[in-house]
């Protein structure tokens, strides 16, 4: 069974395991950290931080499996942003982070 990788924010679709491997092989990221992997049966989700040019980008990947193979993967990317003033007084920082106002 073949695989597909989607990037909804850019509209990119990579079809086929060779194409996906080539896309990952040319990745410009400096570092990659997996924060959490969770799922059940045929749907799994990973949360990661990827460093591009010294700046962190949070990534969520949703993976659909058939058997032991990923057949569809969708990746979402988000840059860091500060806490808006309207909710700063209600928030506490997540572990390893500080609250900065936007």
Foldseek 3Di string as FASTA:
>chain_A
DFAWEAEVVVGDIATGPVRVVVVVVPDQWPDKAWDDWDDDDFWIKTWMWTHHPNFTKIKIKIFGDDPPDTHYIYIYIGGDDADAPVCPVVDADDPPDHHDHD
